[in-house]
PDB file of N, CA and C in Angstrom:
ATOM      1  N   MET A   1      63.198 104.459 135.829  1.00  0.00           N
ATOM      2  CA  MET A   1      65.009 104.795 136.038  1.00  0.00           C
ATOM      3  C   MET A   1      65.590 103.468 135.579  1.00  0.00           C
ATOM      4  N   LYS A   2      65.391 102.445 135.047  1.00  0.00           N
ATOM      5  CA  LYS A   2      65.772 101.224 134.284  1.00  0.00           C
ATOM      6  C   LYS A   2      65.807 102.106 132.793  1.00  0.00           C
ATOM      7  N   LYS A   3      65.261 102.884 132.424  1.00  0.00           N
ATOM      8  CA  LYS A   3      65.426 103.410 131.121  1.00  0.00           C
ATOM      9  C   LYS A   3      66.591 104.460 131.318  1.00  0.00           C
ATOM     10  N   ILE A   4      66.456 105.425 132.334  1.00  0.00           N
ATOM     11  CA  ILE A   4      67.507 106.257 132.398  1.00  0.00           C
ATOM     12  C   ILE A   4      69.073 105.743 132.433  1.00  0.00           C
ATOM     13  N   VAL A   5      68.780 104.783 133.102  1.00  0.00           N
ATOM     14  CA  VAL A   5      70.546 103.785 133.872  1.00  0.00           C
ATOM     15  C   VAL A   5      70.742 103.200 131.954  1.00  0.00           C
ATOM     16  N   SER A   6      69.811 102.791 131.343  1.00  0.00           N
ATOM     17  CA  SER A   6      69.841 102.431 129.828  1.00  0.00           C
ATOM     18  C   SER A   6      70.585 103.533 129.057  1.00  0.00           C
ATOM     19  N   LEU A   7      69.919 104.316 128.825  1.00  0.00           N
ATOM     20  CA  LEU A   7      70.290 105.417 127.888  1.00  0.00           C
ATOM     21  C   LEU A   7      71.712 105.853 128.462  1.00  0.00           C
ATOM     22  N   LEU A   8      72.062 106.168 129.950  1.00  0.00           N
ATOM     23  CA  LEU A   8      73.356 106.533 130.608  1.00  0.00           C
ATOM     24  C   LEU A   8      74.447 105.575 130.101  1.00  0.00           C
ATOM     25  N   ALA A   9      74.396 104.552 129.831  1.00  0.00           N
ATOM     26  CA  ALA A   9      74.804 102.964 129.845  1.00  0.00           C
ATOM     27  C   ALA A   9      75.767 103.427 128.393  1.00  0.00           C
ATOM     28  N   LEU A  10      74.481 103.549 127.918  1.00  0.00           N
ATOM     29  CA  LEU A  10      74.254 103.616 125.582  1.00  0.00           C
ATOM     30  C   LEU A  10      75.185 104.646 125.890  1.00  0.00           C
ATOM     31  N   ALA A  11      74.988 106.076 125.902  1.00  0.00           N
ATOM     32  CA  ALA A  11      75.605 106.982 126.262  1.00  0.00           C
ATOM     33  C   ALA A  11      76.940 106.840 126.214  1.00  0.00           C
ATOM     34  N   LEU A  12      77.471 106.115 127.313  1.00  0.00           N
ATOM     35  CA  LEU A  12      78.555 105.756 127.636  1.00  0.00           C
ATOM     36  C   LEU A  12      79.539 104.997 126.854  1.00  0.00           C
ATOM     37  N   CYS A  13      79.013 104.241 126.206  1.00  0.00           N
ATOM     38  CA  CYS A  13      79.418 103.079 125.276  1.00  0.00           C
ATOM     39  C   CYS A  13      79.480 103.776 123.923  1.00  0.00           C
ATOM     40  N   PHE A  14      78.667 104.670 123.471  1.00  0.00           N
ATOM     41  CA  PHE A  14      78.895 105.328 122.183  1.00  0.00           C
ATOM     42  C   PHE A  14      79.685 106.584 122.754  1.00  0.00           C
ATOM     43  N   CYS A  15      79.907 107.036 124.057  1.00  0.00           N
ATOM     44  CA  CYS A  15      81.609 108.156 123.877  1.00  0.00           C
ATOM     45  C   CYS A  15      82.721 107.353 123.811  1.00  0.00           C
ATOM     46  N   LEU A  16      83.063 105.829 124.472  1.00  0.00           N
ATOM     47  CA  LEU A  16      83.975 104.928 124.502  1.00  0.00           C
ATOM     48  C   LEU A  16      84.233 104.688 123.118  1.00  0.00           C
ATOM     49  N   LEU A  17      82.856 104.490 122.202  1.00  0.00           N
ATOM     50  CA  LEU A  17      83.395 104.114 120.791  1.00  0.00           C
ATOM     51  C   LEU A  17      83.892 105.227 120.305  1.00  0.00           C
ATOM     52  N   LEU A  18      83.447 106.462 120.350  1.00  0.00           N
ATOM     53  CA  LEU A  18      84.004 107.869 119.428  1.00  0.00           C
ATOM     54  C   LEU A  18      85.624 107.781 120.385  1.00  0.00           C
ATOM     55  N   ALA A  19      85.938 107.833 121.275  1.00  0.00           N
ATOM     56  CA  ALA A  19      87.291 108.150 121.913  1.00  0.00           C
ATOM     57  C   ALA A  19      88.064 106.630 121.088  1.00  0.00           C
ATOM     58  N   GLY A  20      87.520 105.879 121.447  1.00  0.00           N
ATOM     59  CA  GLY A  20      88.169 104.413 120.373  1.00  0.00           C
ATOM     60  C   GLY A  20      88.775 104.520 119.355  1.00  0.00           C
ATOM     61  N   CYS A  21      87.568 104.943 118.213  1.00  0.00           N
ATOM     62  CA  CYS A  21      87.593 105.331 116.727  1.00  0.00           C
ATOM     63  C   CYS A  21      88.767 106.664 116.587  1.00  0.00           C
ATOM     64  N   GLY A  22      88.546 107.539 117.454  1.00  0.00           N
ATOM     65  CA  GLY A  22      89.662 108.877 117.292  1.00  0.00           C
ATOM     66  C   GLY A  22      91.276 108.270 117.249  1.00  0.00           C
ATOM     67  N   GLY A  23      91.192 107.619 118.719  1.00  0.00           N
ATOM     68  CA  GLY A  23      92.760 107.370 118.580  1.00  0.00           C
ATOM     69  C   GLY A  23      93.019 106.171 117.424  1.00  0.00           C
ATOM     70  N   LYS A  24      92.093 105.609 117.199  1.00  0.00           N
ATOM     71  CA  LYS A  24      92.663 104.623 116.169  1.00  0.00           C
ATOM     72  C   LYS A  24      93.062 105.523 115.127  1.00  0.00           C
ATOM     73  N   ALA A  25      92.236 106.818 114.903  1.00  0.00           N
ATOM     74  CA  ALA A  25      92.310 107.587 113.333  1.00  0.00           C
ATOM     75  C   ALA A  25      93.878 107.924 113.706  1.00  0.00           C
ATOM     76  N   GLY A  26      94.443 108.406 114.537  1.00  0.00           N
ATOM     77  CA  GLY A  26      95.817 108.969 114.662  1.00  0.00           C
ATOM     78  C   GLY A  26      96.671 108.097 114.963  1.00  0.00           C
ATOM     79  N   ASP A  27      96.208 106.677 115.527  1.00  0.00           N
ATOM     80  CA  ASP A  27      97.715 105.567 115.206  1.00  0.00           C
ATOM     81  C   ASP A  27      97.658 105.421 113.697  1.00  0.00           C
ATOM     82  N   GLY A  28      96.243 105.025 112.817  1.00  0.00           N
ATOM     83  CA  GLY A  28      96.589 105.032 111.521  1.00  0.00           C
ATOM     84  C   GLY A  28      97.359 105.626 110.796  1.00  0.00           C
ATOM     85  N   ASP A  29      96.932 106.917 111.023  1.00  0.00           N
ATOM     86  CA  ASP A  29      98.099 108.290 110.317  1.00  0.00           C
ATOM     87  C   ASP A  29      99.324 107.894 110.359  1.00  0.00           C
ATOM     88  N   ASN A  30      99.548 107.474 111.801  1.00  0.00           N
ATOM     89  CA  ASN A  30     101.108 107.508 112.036  1.00  0.00           C
ATOM     90  C   ASN A  30     101.551 105.696 111.529  1.00  0.00           C
ATOM     91  N   ALA A  31     100.959 104.880 111.308  1.00  0.00           N
ATOM     92  CA  ALA A  31     100.750 103.604 111.124  1.00  0.00           C
ATOM     93  C   ALA A  31     101.150 103.866 109.133  1.00  0.00           C
ATOM     94  N   ALA A  32     100.710 104.458 108.683  1.00  0.00           N
ATOM     95  CA  ALA A  32     100.788 104.840 107.186  1.00  0.00           C
ATOM     96  C   ALA A  32     102.050 105.035 107.013  1.00  0.00           C
ATOM     97  N   THR A  33     102.562 105.922 108.317  1.00  0.00           N
ATOM     98  CA  THR A  33     103.988 106.848 107.548  1.00  0.00           C
ATOM     99  C   THR A  33     104.881 105.902 107.782  1.00  0.00           C
ATOM    100  N   THR A  34     104.876 105.132 109.147  1.00  0.00           N
ATOM    101  CA  THR A  34     105.714 103.936 109.651  1.00  0.00           C
ATOM    102  C   THR A  34     106.014 102.714 108.803  1.00  0.00           C
ATOM    103  N   THR A  35     104.786 102.133 108.265  1.00  0.00           N
ATOM    104  CA  THR A  35     104.720 101.031 107.481  1.00  0.00           C
ATOM    105  C   THR A  35     105.453 101.101 106.278  1.00  0.00           C
ATOM    106  N   THR A  36     105.568 102.518 105.958  1.00  0.00           N
ATOM    107  CA  THR A  36     106.100 102.816 104.764  1.00  0.00           C
ATOM    108  C   THR A  36     107.797 102.669 104.746  1.00  0.00           C
ATOM    109  N   ARG A  37     108.442 102.821 106.244  1.00  0.00           N
ATOM    110  CA  ARG A  37     109.923 102.628 106.233  1.00  0.00           C
ATOM    111  C   ARG A  37     110.534 103.758 105.523  1.00  0.00           C
ATOM    112  N   GLY A  38     109.987 104.862 105.671  1.00  0.00           N
ATOM    113  CA  GLY A  38     110.932 105.647 105.138  1.00  0.00           C
ATOM    114  C   GLY A  38     110.849 105.749 103.507  1.00  0.00           C
ATOM    115  N   LEU A  39     110.054 104.978 102.807  1.00  0.00           N
ATOM    116  CA  LEU A  39     109.632 104.758 101.565  1.00  0.00           C
ATOM    117  C   LEU A  39     108.863 105.666 100.864  1.00  0.00           C
ATOM    118  N   ILE A  40     109.201 106.233  99.677  1.00  0.00           N
ATOM    119  CA  ILE A  40     108.302 107.234  99.075  1.00  0.00           C
ATOM    120  C   ILE A  40     106.758 106.581  98.832  1.00  0.00           C
ATOM    121  N   SER A  41     106.083 107.734  98.851  1.00  0.00           N
ATOM    122  CA  SER A  41     104.846 107.361  99.121  1.00  0.00           C
ATOM    123  C   SER A  41     104.187 106.916  97.371  1.00  0.00           C
ATOM    124  N   GLU A  42     102.828 106.595  97.312  1.00  0.00           N
ATOM    125  CA  GLU A  42     102.367 106.303  95.649  1.00  0.00           C
ATOM    126  C   GLU A  42     102.442 107.677  95.068  1.00  0.00           C
ATOM    127  N   GLU A  43     101.938 108.920  95.704  1.00  0.00           N
ATOM    128  CA  GLU A  43     101.720 110.247  95.365  1.00  0.00           C
ATOM    129  C   GLU A  43     102.761 110.699  94.862  1.00  0.00           C
ATOM    130  N   GLU A  44     104.113 110.531  95.255  1.00  0.00           N
ATOM    131  CA  GLU A  44     105.080 110.274  94.909  1.00  0.00           C
ATOM    132  C   GLU A  44     105.885 109.806  93.786  1.00  0.00           C
ATOM    133  N   ALA A  45     105.216 108.592  93.889  1.00  0.00           N
ATOM    134  CA  ALA A  45     106.150 107.655  93.002  1.00  0.00           C
ATOM    135  C   ALA A  45     105.304 108.107  91.405  1.00  0.00           C
ATOM    136  N   ILE A  46     104.222 108.408  91.554  1.00  0.00           N
ATOM    137  CA  ILE A  46     103.184 109.105  90.659  1.00  0.00           C
ATOM    138  C   ILE A  46     103.922 110.284  89.700  1.00  0.00           C
ATOM    139  N   ALA A  47     104.248 111.341  90.649  1.00  0.00           N
ATOM    140  CA  ALA A  47     105.035 112.451  90.480  1.00  0.00           C
ATOM    141  C   ALA A  47     106.071 111.991  89.939  1.00  0.00           C
ATOM    142  N   ILE A  48     106.949 111.447  89.817  1.00  0.00           N
ATOM    143  CA  ILE A  48     108.321 110.891  89.067  1.00  0.00           C
ATOM    144  C   ILE A  48     108.074 110.246  88.301  1.00  0.00           C
ATOM    145  N   ALA A  49     106.778 109.489  87.746  1.00  0.00           N
ATOM    146  CA  ALA A  49     106.123 108.796  86.567  1.00  0.00           C
ATOM    147  C   ALA A  49     105.854 109.957  85.664  1.00  0.00           C
ATOM    148  N   GLU A  50     105.281 110.806  86.373  1.00  0.00           N
ATOM    149  CA  GLU A  50     105.138 112.281  85.293  1.00  0.00           C
ATOM    150  C   GLU A  50     106.289 112.346  84.833  1.00  0.00           C
ATOM    151  N   GLN A  51     107.130 112.879  85.502  1.00  0.00           N
ATOM    152  CA  GLN A  51     108.314 113.656  85.410  1.00  0.00           C
ATOM    153  C   GLN A  51     109.046 112.866  84.395  1.00  0.00           C
ATOM    154  N   HIS A  52     109.085 111.214  84.232  1.00  0.00           N
ATOM    155  CA  HIS A  52     110.037 110.395  83.679  1.00  0.00           C
ATOM    156  C   HIS A  52     109.429 110.611  82.031  1.00  0.00           C
ATOM    157  N   PHE A  53     107.708 110.411  82.181  1.00  0.00           N
ATOM    158  CA  PHE A  53     107.459 110.513  80.714  1.00  0.00           C
ATOM    159  C   PHE A  53     107.081 112.089  80.175  1.00  0.00           C
ATOM    160  N   GLY A  54     107.136 112.820  81.025  1.00  0.00           N
ATOM    161  CA  GLY A  54     106.681 114.266  80.483  1.00  0.00           C
ATOM    162  C   GLY A  54     105.358 114.358  80.358  1.00  0.00           C
ATOM    163  N   ILE A  55     104.475 113.932  81.054  1.00  0.00           N
ATOM    164  CA  ILE A  55     103.222 114.202  80.823  1.00  0.00           C
ATOM    165  C   ILE A  55     102.620 113.996  81.875  1.00  0.00           C
ATOM    166  N   GLU A  56     101.392 115.009  82.166  1.00  0.00           N
ATOM    167  CA  GLU A  56     100.395 115.375  83.677  1.00  0.00           C
ATOM    168  C   GLU A  56      99.710 114.158  83.558  1.00  0.00           C
ATOM    169  N   ASN A  57      99.557 113.734  84.943  1.00  0.00           N
ATOM    170  CA  ASN A  57      98.504 112.801  85.120  1.00  0.00           C
ATOM    171  C   ASN A  57      97.290 113.873  85.081  1.00  0.00           C
ATOM    172  N   GLY A  58      95.786 113.259  84.129  1.00  0.00           N
ATOM    173  CA  GLY A  58      94.769 114.017  84.023  1.00  0.00           C
ATOM    174  C   GLY A  58      94.864 115.151  82.943  1.00  0.00           C
ATOM    175  N   SER A  59      95.786 115.030  82.000  1.00  0.00           N
ATOM    176  CA  SER A  59      95.987 115.908  80.596  1.00  0.00           C
ATOM    177  C   SER A  59      95.614 115.108  79.713  1.00  0.00           C
ATOM    178  N   HIS A  60      95.302 116.081  78.906  1.00  0.00           N
ATOM    179  CA  HIS A  60      95.033 115.181  77.141  1.00  0.00           C
ATOM    180  C   HIS A  60      95.957 115.220  76.211  1.00  0.00           C
ATOM    181  N   ASP A  61      96.126 114.555  75.750  1.00  0.00           N
ATOM    182  CA  ASP A  61      97.225 113.823  74.597  1.00  0.00           C
ATOM    183  C   ASP A  61      96.690 115.140  73.693  1.00  0.00           C
ATOM    184  N   ASP A  62      97.591 115.929  73.111  1.00  0.00           N
ATOM    185  CA  ASP A  62      97.649 116.859  72.062  1.00  0.00           C
ATOM    186  C   ASP A  62      97.027 116.122  70.611  1.00  0.00           C
ATOM    187  N   LYS A  63      97.341 115.106  70.284  1.00  0.00           N
ATOM    188  CA  LYS A  63      97.159 114.573  69.018  1.00  0.00           C
ATOM    189  C   LYS A  63      95.683 113.887  68.916  1.00  0.00           C
ATOM    190  N   THR A  64      95.153 112.922  70.034  1.00  0.00           N
ATOM    191  CA  THR A  64      93.912 112.245  69.890  1.00  0.00           C
ATOM    192  C   THR A  64      93.203 112.905  71.048  1.00  0.00           C
ATOM    193  N   GLY A  65      93.612 113.562  71.803  1.00  0.00           N
ATOM    194  CA  GLY A  65      92.648 114.231  72.815  1.00  0.00           C
ATOM    195  C   GLY A  65      91.965 113.288  73.707  1.00  0.00           C
ATOM    196  N   TYR A  66      93.033 111.766  73.932  1.00  0.00           N
ATOM    197  CA  TYR A  66      92.635 111.156  75.292  1.00  0.00           C
ATOM    198  C   TYR A  66      93.006 111.657  76.122  1.00  0.00           C
ATOM    199  N   LEU A  67      92.270 111.151  77.462  1.00  0.00           N
ATOM    200  CA  LEU A  67      92.698 111.397  78.576  1.00  0.00           C
ATOM    201  C   LEU A  67      93.843 110.990  79.030  1.00  0.00           C
ATOM    202  N   MET A  68      94.817 111.100  79.569  1.00  0.00           N
ATOM    203  CA  MET A  68      96.130 110.582  80.262  1.00  0.00           C
ATOM    204  C   MET A  68      96.044 110.333  81.675  1.00  0.00           C
ATOM    205  N   SER A  69      96.500 109.258  82.024  1.00  0.00           N
ATOM    206  CA  SER A  69      96.322 108.657  83.807  1.00  0.00           C
ATOM    207  C   SER A  69      97.365 107.626  84.067  1.00  0.00           C
ATOM    208  N   TYR A  70      97.756 107.590  85.016  1.00  0.00           N
ATOM    209  CA  TYR A  70      98.531 106.787  85.743  1.00  0.00           C
ATOM    210  C   TYR A  70      97.940 105.785  86.899  1.00  0.00           C
ATOM    211  N   ARG A  71      98.391 104.391  86.639  1.00  0.00           N
ATOM    212  CA  ARG A  71      97.759 103.325  88.134  1.00  0.00           C
ATOM    213  C   ARG A  71      98.830 102.555  88.659  1.00  0.00           C
ATOM    214  N   ILE A  72      98.951 102.460  89.365  1.00  0.00           N
ATOM    215  CA  ILE A  72     100.025 102.006  89.999  1.00  0.00           C
ATOM    216  C   ILE A  72      99.620 100.419  89.718  1.00  0.00           C
ATOM    217  N   VAL A  73     100.479  99.815  89.156  1.00  0.00           N
ATOM    218  CA  VAL A  73     100.187  97.922  88.898  1.00  0.00           C
ATOM    219  C   VAL A  73     100.901  96.938  89.964  1.00  0.00           C
ATOM    220  N   THR A  74     102.180  97.668  90.546  1.00  0.00           N
ATOM    221  CA  THR A  74     102.522  96.697  91.379  1.00  0.00           C
ATOM    222  C   THR A  74     102.647  97.590  92.864  1.00  0.00           C
ATOM    223  N   PRO A  75     101.989  97.836  93.839  1.00  0.00           N
ATOM    224  CA  PRO A  75     102.178  98.682  94.737  1.00  0.00           C
ATOM    225  C   PRO A  75     103.349  97.799  95.719  1.00  0.00           C
ATOM    226  N   VAL A  76     103.798  98.939  96.463  1.00  0.00           N
ATOM    227  CA  VAL A  76     104.890  98.299  97.570  1.00  0.00           C
ATOM    228  C   VAL A  76     104.400  97.867  98.269  1.00  0.00           C
ATOM    229  N   THR A  77     105.164  96.521  98.530  1.00  0.00           N
ATOM    230  CA  THR A  77     104.453  95.544  99.774  1.00  0.00           C
ATOM    231  C   THR A  77     105.800  95.230 100.733  1.00  0.00           C
ATOM    232  N   SER A  78     105.487  94.349 101.961  1.00  0.00           N
ATOM    233  CA  SER A  78     106.359  93.900 102.679  1.00  0.00           C
ATOM    234  C   SER A  78     107.846  93.116 101.612  1.00  0.00           C
ATOM    235  N   GLY A  79     107.656  92.505 100.675  1.00  0.00           N
ATOM    236  CA  GLY A  79     108.282  91.899  99.939  1.00  0.00           C
ATOM    237  C   GLY A  79     109.049  92.762  98.637  1.00  0.00           C
ATOM    238  N   ILE A  80     108.375  93.775  98.298  1.00  0.00           N
ATOM    239  CA  ILE A  80     108.485  94.319  97.133  1.00  0.00           C
ATOM    240  C   ILE A  80     108.939  95.923  97.403  1.00  0.00           C
ATOM    241  N   THR A  81     110.072  96.606  96.812  1.00  0.00           N
ATOM    242  CA  THR A  81     109.828  97.585  97.256  1.00  0.00           C
ATOM    243  C   THR A  81     110.344  98.538  96.262  1.00  0.00           C
ATOM    244  N   THR A  82     109.435  98.400  95.375  1.00  0.00           N
ATOM    245  CA  THR A  82     109.238  99.215  94.030  1.00  0.00           C
ATOM    246  C   THR A  82     107.663  99.217  93.591  1.00  0.00           C
ATOM    247  N   TYR A  83     107.556 100.067  92.869  1.00  0.00           N
ATOM    248  CA  TYR A  83     106.537 100.598  92.567  1.00  0.00           C
ATOM    249  C   TYR A  83     106.984 100.166  90.924  1.00  0.00           C
ATOM    250  N   ARG A  84     105.464  99.740  90.316  1.00  0.00           N
ATOM    251  CA  ARG A  84     105.616  99.833  89.232  1.00  0.00           C
ATOM    252  C   ARG A  84     104.358 100.264  88.715  1.00  0.00           C
ATOM    253  N   ILE A  85     104.338 101.663  87.423  1.00  0.00           N
ATOM    254  CA  ILE A  85     102.889 102.423  86.989  1.00  0.00           C
ATOM    255  C   ILE A  85     102.875 102.221  85.908  1.00  0.00           C
ATOM    256  N   ALA A  86     102.146 102.133  85.517  1.00  0.00           N
ATOM    257  CA  ALA A  86     101.262 102.002  84.163  1.00  0.00           C
ATOM    258  C   ALA A  86     100.698 103.910  83.698  1.00  0.00           C
ATOM    259  N   LEU A  87     101.568 104.196  82.023  1.00  0.00           N
ATOM    260  CA  LEU A  87     100.654 105.265  81.608  1.00  0.00           C
ATOM    261  C   LEU A  87      99.482 104.816  80.921  1.00  0.00           C
ATOM    262  N   LEU A  88      98.152 105.201  81.012  1.00  0.00           N
ATOM    263  CA  LEU A  88      97.312 104.774  80.715  1.00  0.00           C
ATOM    264  C   LEU A  88      96.639 105.862  79.587  1.00  0.00           C
ATOM    265  N   TRP A  89      95.611 105.647  79.053  1.00  0.00           N
ATOM    266  CA  TRP A  89      95.211 106.915  77.992  1.00  0.00           C
ATOM    267  C   TRP A  89      93.695 106.318  77.467  1.00  0.00           C
ATOM    268  N   LEU A  90      92.607 107.061  77.833  1.00  0.00           N
ATOM    269  CA  LEU A  90      91.397 106.851  77.857  1.00  0.00           C
ATOM    270  C   LEU A  90      90.910 106.575  76.387  1.00  0.00           C
ATOM    271  N   VAL A  91      90.833 105.634  75.721  1.00  0.00           N
ATOM    272  CA  VAL A  91      90.710 105.454  74.412  1.00  0.00           C
ATOM    273  C   VAL A  91      88.953 105.614  74.331  1.00  0.00           C
ATOM    274  N   GLU A  92      88.614 106.367  72.759  1.00  0.00           N
ATOM    275  CA  GLU A  92      87.321 106.893  72.418  1.00  0.00           C
ATOM    276  C   GLU A  92      87.147 106.122  71.057  1.00  0.00           C
ATOM    277  N   VAL A  93      86.162 105.798  71.144  1.00  0.00           N
ATOM    278  CA  VAL A  93      85.565 104.982  69.871  1.00  0.00           C
ATOM    279  C   VAL A  93      83.855 106.027  69.843  1.00  0.00           C
ATOM    280  N   ASP A  94      83.975 106.325  68.477  1.00  0.00           N
ATOM    281  CA  ASP A  94      82.939 107.546  67.965  1.00  0.00           C
ATOM    282  C   ASP A  94      82.482 108.300  69.137  1.00  0.00           C
ATOM    283  N   GLY A  95      83.672 108.942  69.336  1.00  0.00           N
ATOM    284  CA  GLY A  95      83.470 110.005  70.536  1.00  0.00           C
ATOM    285  C   GLY A  95      83.195 109.815  72.032  1.00  0.00           C
ATOM    286  N   GLN A  96      82.968 108.666  72.151  1.00  0.00           N
ATOM    287  CA  GLN A  96      82.730 108.025  73.568  1.00  0.00           C
ATOM    288  C   GLN A  96      83.639 107.029  73.969  1.00  0.00           C
ATOM    289  N   ALA A  97      83.752 107.627  75.243  1.00  0.00           N
ATOM    290  CA  ALA A  97      84.862 106.844  75.849  1.00  0.00           C
ATOM    291  C   ALA A  97      84.659 105.239  75.866  1.00  0.00           C
ATOM    292  N   SER A  98      85.631 104.254  76.058  1.00  0.00           N
ATOM    293  CA  SER A  98      85.389 103.199  75.269  1.00  0.00           C
ATOM    294  C   SER A  98      86.397 102.118  76.404  1.00  0.00           C
ATOM    295  N   HIS A  99      87.574 102.512  76.630  1.00  0.00           N
ATOM    296  CA  HIS A  99      88.340 101.657  77.373  1.00  0.00           C
ATOM    297  C   HIS A  99      89.741 102.335  77.715  1.00  0.00           C
ATOM    298  N   TRP A 100      90.149 101.822  78.829  1.00  0.00           N
ATOM    299  CA  TRP A 100      91.796 102.323  79.037  1.00  0.00           C
ATOM    300  C   TRP A 100      92.714 101.118  78.554  1.00  0.00           C
ATOM    301  N   SER A 101      93.574 102.151  78.032  1.00  0.00           N
ATOM    302  CA  SER A 101      94.704 101.805  77.076  1.00  0.00           C
ATOM    303  C   SER A 101      96.318 101.751  77.890  1.00  0.00           C
ATOM    304  N   THR A 102      97.079 100.595  77.749  1.00  0.00           N
ATOM    305  CA  THR A 102      98.277 101.158  78.321  1.00  0.00           C
ATOM    306  C   THR A 102      99.182 101.719  77.165  1.00  0.00           C
ATOM    307  N   LEU A 103      99.786 102.620  77.741  1.00  0.00           N
ATOM    308  CA  LEU A 103     100.579 102.797  76.689  1.00  0.00           C
ATOM    309  C   LEU A 103     102.213 102.186  77.527  1.00  0.00           C
ATOM    310  N   ASP A 104     102.680 102.542  78.546  1.00  0.00           N
ATOM    311  CA  ASP A 104     104.051 101.800  79.224  1.00  0.00           C
ATOM    312  C   ASP A 104     103.916 101.878  80.602  1.00  0.00           C
ATOM    313  N   THR A 105     105.018 101.449  80.889  1.00  0.00           N
ATOM    314  CA  THR A 105     105.092 101.245  82.219  1.00  0.00           C
ATOM    315  C   THR A 105     106.360 101.577  82.606  1.00  0.00           C
ATOM    316  N   VAL A 106     106.512 102.237  83.735  1.00  0.00           N
ATOM    317  CA  VAL A 106     108.094 102.105  84.251  1.00  0.00           C
ATOM    318  C   VAL A 106     107.970 101.481  85.822  1.00  0.00           C
ATOM    319  N   THR A 107     109.017 101.445  86.338  1.00  0.00           N
ATOM    320  CA  THR A 107     109.461 100.911  87.928  1.00  0.00           C
ATOM    321  C   THR A 107     110.297 101.896  88.441  1.00  0.00           C
ATOM    322  N   ILE A 108     109.509 102.240  89.663  1.00  0.00           N
ATOM    323  CA  ILE A 108     110.184 103.377  90.539  1.00  0.00           C
ATOM    324  C   ILE A 108     110.874 102.552  91.533  1.00  0.00           C
ATOM    325  N   ASP A 109     112.225 102.839  92.157  1.00  0.00           N
ATOM    326  CA  ASP A 109     112.286 102.354  93.403  1.00  0.00           C
ATOM    327  C   ASP A 109     111.843 103.014  94.843  1.00  0.00           C
ATOM    328  N   ALA A 110     111.300 102.186  95.449  1.00  0.00           N
ATOM    329  CA  ALA A 110     110.748 103.115  96.596  1.00  0.00           C
ATOM    330  C   ALA A 110     111.629 103.887  97.360  1.00  0.00           C
ATOM    331  N   LYS A 111     112.823 102.936  97.944  1.00  0.00           N
ATOM    332  CA  LYS A 111     113.616 104.012  98.763  1.00  0.00           C
ATOM    333  C   LYS A 111     114.664 105.029  98.271  1.00  0.00           C
ATOM    334  N   THR A 112     114.712 105.164  96.943  1.00  0.00           N
ATOM    335  CA  THR A 112     115.390 106.295  96.345  1.00  0.00           C
ATOM    336  C   THR A 112     114.379 107.091  95.104  1.00  0.00           C
ATOM    337  N   GLY A 113     113.717 106.721  94.961  1.00  0.00           N
ATOM    338  CA  GLY A 113     112.801 107.761  93.922  1.00  0.00           C
ATOM    339  C   GLY A 113     113.541 107.592  92.370  1.00  0.00           C
ATOM    340  N   ALA A 114     114.166 106.387  92.438  1.00  0.00           N
ATOM    341  CA  ALA A 114     115.007 106.694  90.835  1.00  0.00           C
ATOM    342  C   ALA A 114     114.564 105.707  90.225  1.00  0.00           C
ATOM    343  N   VAL A 115     114.085 106.245  88.840  1.00  0.00           N
ATOM    344  CA  VAL A 115     113.529 105.017  87.382  1.00  0.00           C
ATOM    345  C   VAL A 115     114.624 104.125  87.300  1.00  0.00           C
ATOM    346  N   LEU A 116     113.871 102.877  87.623  1.00  0.00           N
ATOM    347  CA  LEU A 116     114.628 101.445  87.270  1.00  0.00           C
ATOM    348  C   LEU A 116     114.400 101.548  85.742  1.00  0.00           C
ATOM    349  N   ILE A 117     115.965 101.406  85.036  1.00  0.00           N
ATOM    350  CA  ILE A 117     115.932 100.826  83.659  1.00  0.00           C
ATOM    351  C   ILE A 117     116.149  99.508  83.480  1.00  0.00           C
ATOM    352  N   GLU A 118     115.519  98.663  82.671  1.00  0.00           N
ATOM    353  CA  GLU A 118     115.257  97.325  82.360  1.00  0.00           C
ATOM    354  C   GLU A 118     116.275  96.904  81.324  1.00  0.00           C
ATOM    355  N   THR A 119     117.376  96.309  81.379  1.00  0.00           N
ATOM    356  CA  THR A 119     118.257  95.882  80.611  1.00  0.00           C
ATOM    357  C   THR A 119     117.615  94.794  79.681  1.00  0.00           C
ATOM    358  N   ILE A 120     117.813  94.286  78.567  1.00  0.00           N
ATOM    359  CA  ILE A 120     117.449  92.721  78.294  1.00  0.00           C
ATOM    360  C   ILE A 120     118.704  92.503  77.708  1.00  0.00           C
ATOM    361  N   ASP A 121     119.087  91.060  78.100  1.00  0.00           N
ATOM    362  CA  ASP A 121     120.300  90.553  77.642  1.00  0.00           C
ATOM    363  C   ASP A 121     120.425  89.945  76.145  1.00  0.00           C
ATOM    364  N   PRO A 122     121.349  90.476  75.447  1.00  0.00           N
ATOM    365  CA  PRO A 122     121.209  89.595  74.019  1.00  0.00           C
ATOM    366  C   PRO A 122     121.073  88.314  73.992  1.00  0.00           C
TER     367      PRO A 122
END
C-alpha cells in the first residue's frame, strides 16, 4: 500500500513539474519579447549588418574563398540600446581553417534599426 501511495505522489509531483515547466516556457517566450521593449532582435540586427556590408552571413568571399560570418560583439542590455556587430571571416592556413579574423564592425540602433556612423573629430 505504501508503494502505491508513494508512486501516486511521485506521479503527481512529476505532473506538477511538467505543468510548471510548460507555464514557464510560455512565460519565457513572452518575457523574451517584452524584455526587448520594442527593440529589434539580434537576428534583425544581423540582417541589417548584411545589408550594410552587402555580404550574406555564411557566404564565401569571392577572392579568398573564406567563410564570412557575423558576431554580436555588444548585445543590447538594460543600459545599452545598440548592437555592435563584427563582420568576420574564417582564415585558412595551408587549406585548413585556422582562426576567425574581424574585418569590420557596425553599430546598429536597436530602437530604430539605423546604422550609426561614427565620426572622428579632427
